[in-house]
Amino acid sequence: MIKLTSVESSDRIPLEEAKEAMQDINSYVNEVKRDHEMQQLVAAIEKSITALEMVCLLLSLFLMAGCAKKIGQTSSSCKVL
């Protein structure tokens, strides 16, 4: 529709803004879907490891042995539970 709308048209800018908004929504939905799929994969791996003493796996937090550290965190400090 944008391609068929002339550059001088007053409808052009709202169409471009709507397109950008739809792309943002699409990116967000895809990100949430990937996160959900990753959580399912981690849960399946967690179930397959019988000797694992895991407390919780929640989003990007990996909790084990009373210490919570955000994945990708470079500092050596962690939040003690």
N, C-alpha and C. Protein backbone atom coordinates (compact mmCIF):
# COMPACT_ATOMS: atom_id res chain seq x y z
N MET A 1 0.82 -1.18 0.00
CA MET A 1 0.00 0.00 0.00
C MET A 1 0.87 1.26 0.00
N ILE A 2 1.99 1.20 0.73
CA ILE A 2 2.89 2.35 0.78
C ILE A 2 3.47 2.62 -0.60
N LYS A 3 3.82 1.55 -1.30
CA LYS A 3 4.40 1.72 -2.64
C LYS A 3 3.44 2.40 -3.60
N LEU A 4 2.15 2.19 -3.39
CA LEU A 4 1.15 2.77 -4.27
C LEU A 4 0.71 4.16 -3.84
N THR A 5 1.17 4.61 -2.68
CA THR A 5 0.82 5.94 -2.17
C THR A 5 1.93 6.92 -2.54
N SER A 6 1.55 8.02 -3.15
CA SER A 6 2.56 8.99 -3.58
C SER A 6 3.26 9.62 -2.37
N VAL A 7 4.48 10.05 -2.59
CA VAL A 7 5.28 10.66 -1.53
C VAL A 7 4.63 11.94 -1.02
N GLU A 8 3.94 12.65 -1.88
CA GLU A 8 3.30 13.92 -1.49
C GLU A 8 1.98 13.71 -0.75
N SER A 9 1.44 12.52 -0.76
CA SER A 9 0.14 12.27 -0.15
C SER A 9 0.20 12.43 1.37
N SER A 10 -0.89 12.96 1.93
CA SER A 10 -0.96 13.12 3.39
C SER A 10 -1.11 11.77 4.09
N ASP A 11 -1.45 10.74 3.35
CA ASP A 11 -1.60 9.40 3.92
C ASP A 11 -0.27 8.65 4.03
N ARG A 12 0.75 9.14 3.39
CA ARG A 12 2.03 8.42 3.32
C ARG A 12 2.68 8.26 4.70
N ILE A 13 2.78 9.33 5.46
CA ILE A 13 3.45 9.28 6.77
C ILE A 13 2.71 8.35 7.74
N PRO A 14 1.38 8.45 7.88
CA PRO A 14 0.69 7.50 8.77
C PRO A 14 0.86 6.04 8.33
N LEU A 15 0.90 5.80 7.03
CA LEU A 15 1.12 4.44 6.55
C LEU A 15 2.51 3.93 6.92
N GLU A 16 3.51 4.78 6.78
CA GLU A 16 4.87 4.39 7.15
C GLU A 16 4.99 4.15 8.65
N GLU A 17 4.31 4.98 9.45
CA GLU A 17 4.32 4.80 10.90
C GLU A 17 3.62 3.50 11.29
N ALA A 18 2.52 3.20 10.61
CA ALA A 18 1.80 1.95 10.88
C ALA A 18 2.65 0.74 10.51
N LYS A 19 3.36 0.85 9.40
CA LYS A 19 4.25 -0.24 8.99
C LYS A 19 5.34 -0.47 10.03
N GLU A 20 5.93 0.61 10.52
CA GLU A 20 6.98 0.50 11.53
C GLU A 20 6.42 -0.11 12.82
N ALA A 21 5.21 0.30 13.21
CA ALA A 21 4.59 -0.26 14.41
C ALA A 21 4.33 -1.75 14.25
N MET A 22 3.87 -2.16 13.08
CA MET A 22 3.63 -3.59 12.82
C MET A 22 4.93 -4.38 12.86
N GLN A 23 6.00 -3.80 12.34
CA GLN A 23 7.30 -4.48 12.38
C GLN A 23 7.80 -4.63 13.81
N ASP A 24 7.58 -3.60 14.63
CA ASP A 24 7.97 -3.67 16.04
C ASP A 24 7.19 -4.76 16.77
N ILE A 25 5.89 -4.82 16.52
CA ILE A 25 5.04 -5.84 17.14
C ILE A 25 5.49 -7.23 16.70
N ASN A 26 5.76 -7.38 15.41
CA ASN A 26 6.21 -8.66 14.88
C ASN A 26 7.52 -9.09 15.53
N SER A 27 8.44 -8.17 15.69
CA SER A 27 9.72 -8.48 16.34
C SER A 27 9.50 -8.91 17.79
N TYR A 28 8.62 -8.21 18.48
CA TYR A 28 8.34 -8.54 19.88
C TYR A 28 7.72 -9.93 20.00
N VAL A 29 6.74 -10.22 19.15
CA VAL A 29 6.08 -11.54 19.17
C VAL A 29 7.10 -12.64 18.90
N ASN A 30 7.97 -12.43 17.92
CA ASN A 30 8.99 -13.42 17.61
C ASN A 30 9.95 -13.63 18.78
N GLU A 31 10.31 -12.55 19.45
CA GLU A 31 11.21 -12.64 20.60
C GLU A 31 10.56 -13.43 21.73
N VAL A 32 9.29 -13.15 22.01
CA VAL A 32 8.58 -13.86 23.07
C VAL A 32 8.46 -15.34 22.72
N LYS A 33 8.19 -15.62 21.45
CA LYS A 33 8.09 -17.02 21.01
C LYS A 33 9.42 -17.74 21.18
N ARG A 34 10.53 -17.09 20.80
CA ARG A 34 11.86 -17.69 20.97
C ARG A 34 12.16 -17.94 22.45
N ASP A 35 11.81 -16.97 23.30
CA ASP A 35 12.03 -17.13 24.74
C ASP A 35 11.25 -18.33 25.28
N HIS A 36 10.00 -18.46 24.85
CA HIS A 36 9.17 -19.57 25.29
C HIS A 36 9.74 -20.91 24.83
N GLU A 37 10.17 -20.96 23.57
CA GLU A 37 10.76 -22.19 23.05
C GLU A 37 12.04 -22.55 23.81
N MET A 38 12.83 -21.54 24.15
CA MET A 38 14.06 -21.78 24.90
C MET A 38 13.74 -22.29 26.31
N GLN A 39 12.72 -21.74 26.94
CA GLN A 39 12.32 -22.20 28.26
C GLN A 39 11.86 -23.65 28.20
N GLN A 40 11.13 -24.02 27.15
CA GLN A 40 10.69 -25.41 26.99
C GLN A 40 11.89 -26.33 26.81
N LEU A 41 12.86 -25.91 26.02
CA LEU A 41 14.06 -26.71 25.79
C LEU A 41 14.83 -26.90 27.08
N VAL A 42 15.01 -25.84 27.83
CA VAL A 42 15.74 -25.93 29.10
C VAL A 42 14.99 -26.82 30.07
N ALA A 43 13.67 -26.72 30.11
CA ALA A 43 12.87 -27.58 30.99
C ALA A 43 13.03 -29.05 30.60
N ALA A 44 13.05 -29.34 29.31
CA ALA A 44 13.24 -30.72 28.85
C ALA A 44 14.62 -31.24 29.23
N ILE A 45 15.63 -30.40 29.07
CA ILE A 45 17.00 -30.80 29.46
C ILE A 45 17.07 -31.00 30.96
N GLU A 46 16.43 -30.09 31.69
CA GLU A 46 16.41 -30.18 33.15
C GLU A 46 15.78 -31.50 33.61
N LYS A 47 14.69 -31.90 32.97
CA LYS A 47 14.03 -33.16 33.32
C LYS A 47 14.90 -34.36 33.00
N SER A 48 15.71 -34.25 31.95
CA SER A 48 16.52 -35.40 31.53
C SER A 48 17.74 -35.62 32.42
N ILE A 49 18.12 -34.63 33.22
CA ILE A 49 19.27 -34.76 34.12
C ILE A 49 18.73 -35.15 35.49
N THR A 50 18.84 -36.43 35.81
CA THR A 50 18.21 -36.94 37.03
C THR A 50 18.92 -36.52 38.31
N ALA A 51 20.23 -36.33 38.27
CA ALA A 51 20.99 -36.00 39.48
C ALA A 51 21.13 -34.49 39.70
N LEU A 52 20.44 -33.70 38.92
CA LEU A 52 20.57 -32.25 39.02
C LEU A 52 19.77 -31.73 40.20
N GLU A 53 20.43 -30.96 41.08
CA GLU A 53 19.75 -30.36 42.22
C GLU A 53 19.44 -28.92 41.88
N MET A 54 18.48 -28.69 41.03
CA MET A 54 18.16 -27.34 40.57
C MET A 54 16.98 -26.80 41.37
N VAL A 55 17.12 -25.56 41.78
CA VAL A 55 16.07 -24.91 42.53
C VAL A 55 15.03 -24.32 41.58
N CYS A 56 15.49 -23.59 40.59
CA CYS A 56 14.56 -22.87 39.73
C CYS A 56 15.26 -22.39 38.47
N LEU A 57 14.51 -22.36 37.39
CA LEU A 57 15.01 -21.73 36.18
C LEU A 57 13.92 -20.79 35.72
N LEU A 58 14.20 -19.50 35.74
CA LEU A 58 13.18 -18.51 35.42
C LEU A 58 13.77 -17.45 34.52
N LEU A 59 13.28 -17.40 33.29
CA LEU A 59 13.75 -16.46 32.29
C LEU A 59 15.26 -16.48 32.20
N SER A 60 15.93 -15.38 32.49
CA SER A 60 17.38 -15.34 32.34
C SER A 60 18.10 -15.58 33.66
N LEU A 61 17.37 -15.97 34.68
CA LEU A 61 18.02 -16.25 35.96
C LEU A 61 18.24 -17.74 36.13
N PHE A 62 19.42 -18.11 36.51
CA PHE A 62 19.75 -19.50 36.76
C PHE A 62 20.09 -19.61 38.24
N LEU A 63 19.25 -20.30 38.99
CA LEU A 63 19.42 -20.39 40.43
C LEU A 63 19.94 -21.78 40.78
N MET A 64 21.05 -21.83 41.48
CA MET A 64 21.61 -23.11 41.88
C MET A 64 22.48 -22.89 43.11
N ALA A 65 22.35 -23.75 44.07
CA ALA A 65 23.17 -23.72 45.29
C ALA A 65 23.05 -22.39 46.03
N GLY A 66 21.87 -21.77 46.00
CA GLY A 66 21.64 -20.57 46.77
C GLY A 66 22.19 -19.29 46.19
N CYS A 67 22.61 -19.29 44.95
CA CYS A 67 23.20 -18.11 44.34
C CYS A 67 22.48 -17.82 43.03
N ALA A 68 22.04 -16.58 42.86
CA ALA A 68 21.35 -16.19 41.62
C ALA A 68 22.24 -15.24 40.86
N LYS A 69 22.51 -15.57 39.62
CA LYS A 69 23.37 -14.73 38.79
C LYS A 69 22.72 -14.62 37.42
N LYS A 70 22.60 -13.41 36.93
CA LYS A 70 21.99 -13.19 35.63
C LYS A 70 22.94 -13.68 34.54
N ILE A 71 22.41 -14.42 33.58
CA ILE A 71 23.22 -14.95 32.50
C ILE A 71 23.83 -13.79 31.74
N GLY A 72 25.11 -13.90 31.44
CA GLY A 72 25.81 -12.84 30.73
C GLY A 72 26.43 -11.80 31.65
N GLN A 73 26.16 -11.88 32.93
CA GLN A 73 26.70 -10.93 33.91
C GLN A 73 28.20 -11.16 34.03
N THR A 74 28.99 -10.10 33.95
CA THR A 74 30.44 -10.24 33.99
C THR A 74 31.02 -10.15 35.40
N SER A 75 30.32 -9.51 36.32
CA SER A 75 30.85 -9.38 37.67
C SER A 75 30.76 -10.72 38.40
N SER A 76 31.63 -10.90 39.38
CA SER A 76 31.66 -12.17 40.10
C SER A 76 30.64 -12.21 41.23
N SER A 77 30.01 -11.09 41.54
CA SER A 77 29.05 -11.07 42.63
C SER A 77 27.73 -11.70 42.20
N CYS A 78 27.03 -12.25 43.17
CA CYS A 78 25.72 -12.82 42.89
C CYS A 78 24.80 -12.55 44.06
N LYS A 79 23.52 -12.68 43.82
CA LYS A 79 22.52 -12.45 44.85
C LYS A 79 22.32 -13.77 45.60
N VAL A 80 22.58 -13.76 46.89
CA VAL A 80 22.42 -14.96 47.69
C VAL A 80 20.97 -15.06 48.11
N LEU A 81 20.41 -16.25 47.93
CA LEU A 81 19.00 -16.46 48.27
C LEU A 81 18.84 -16.91 49.69
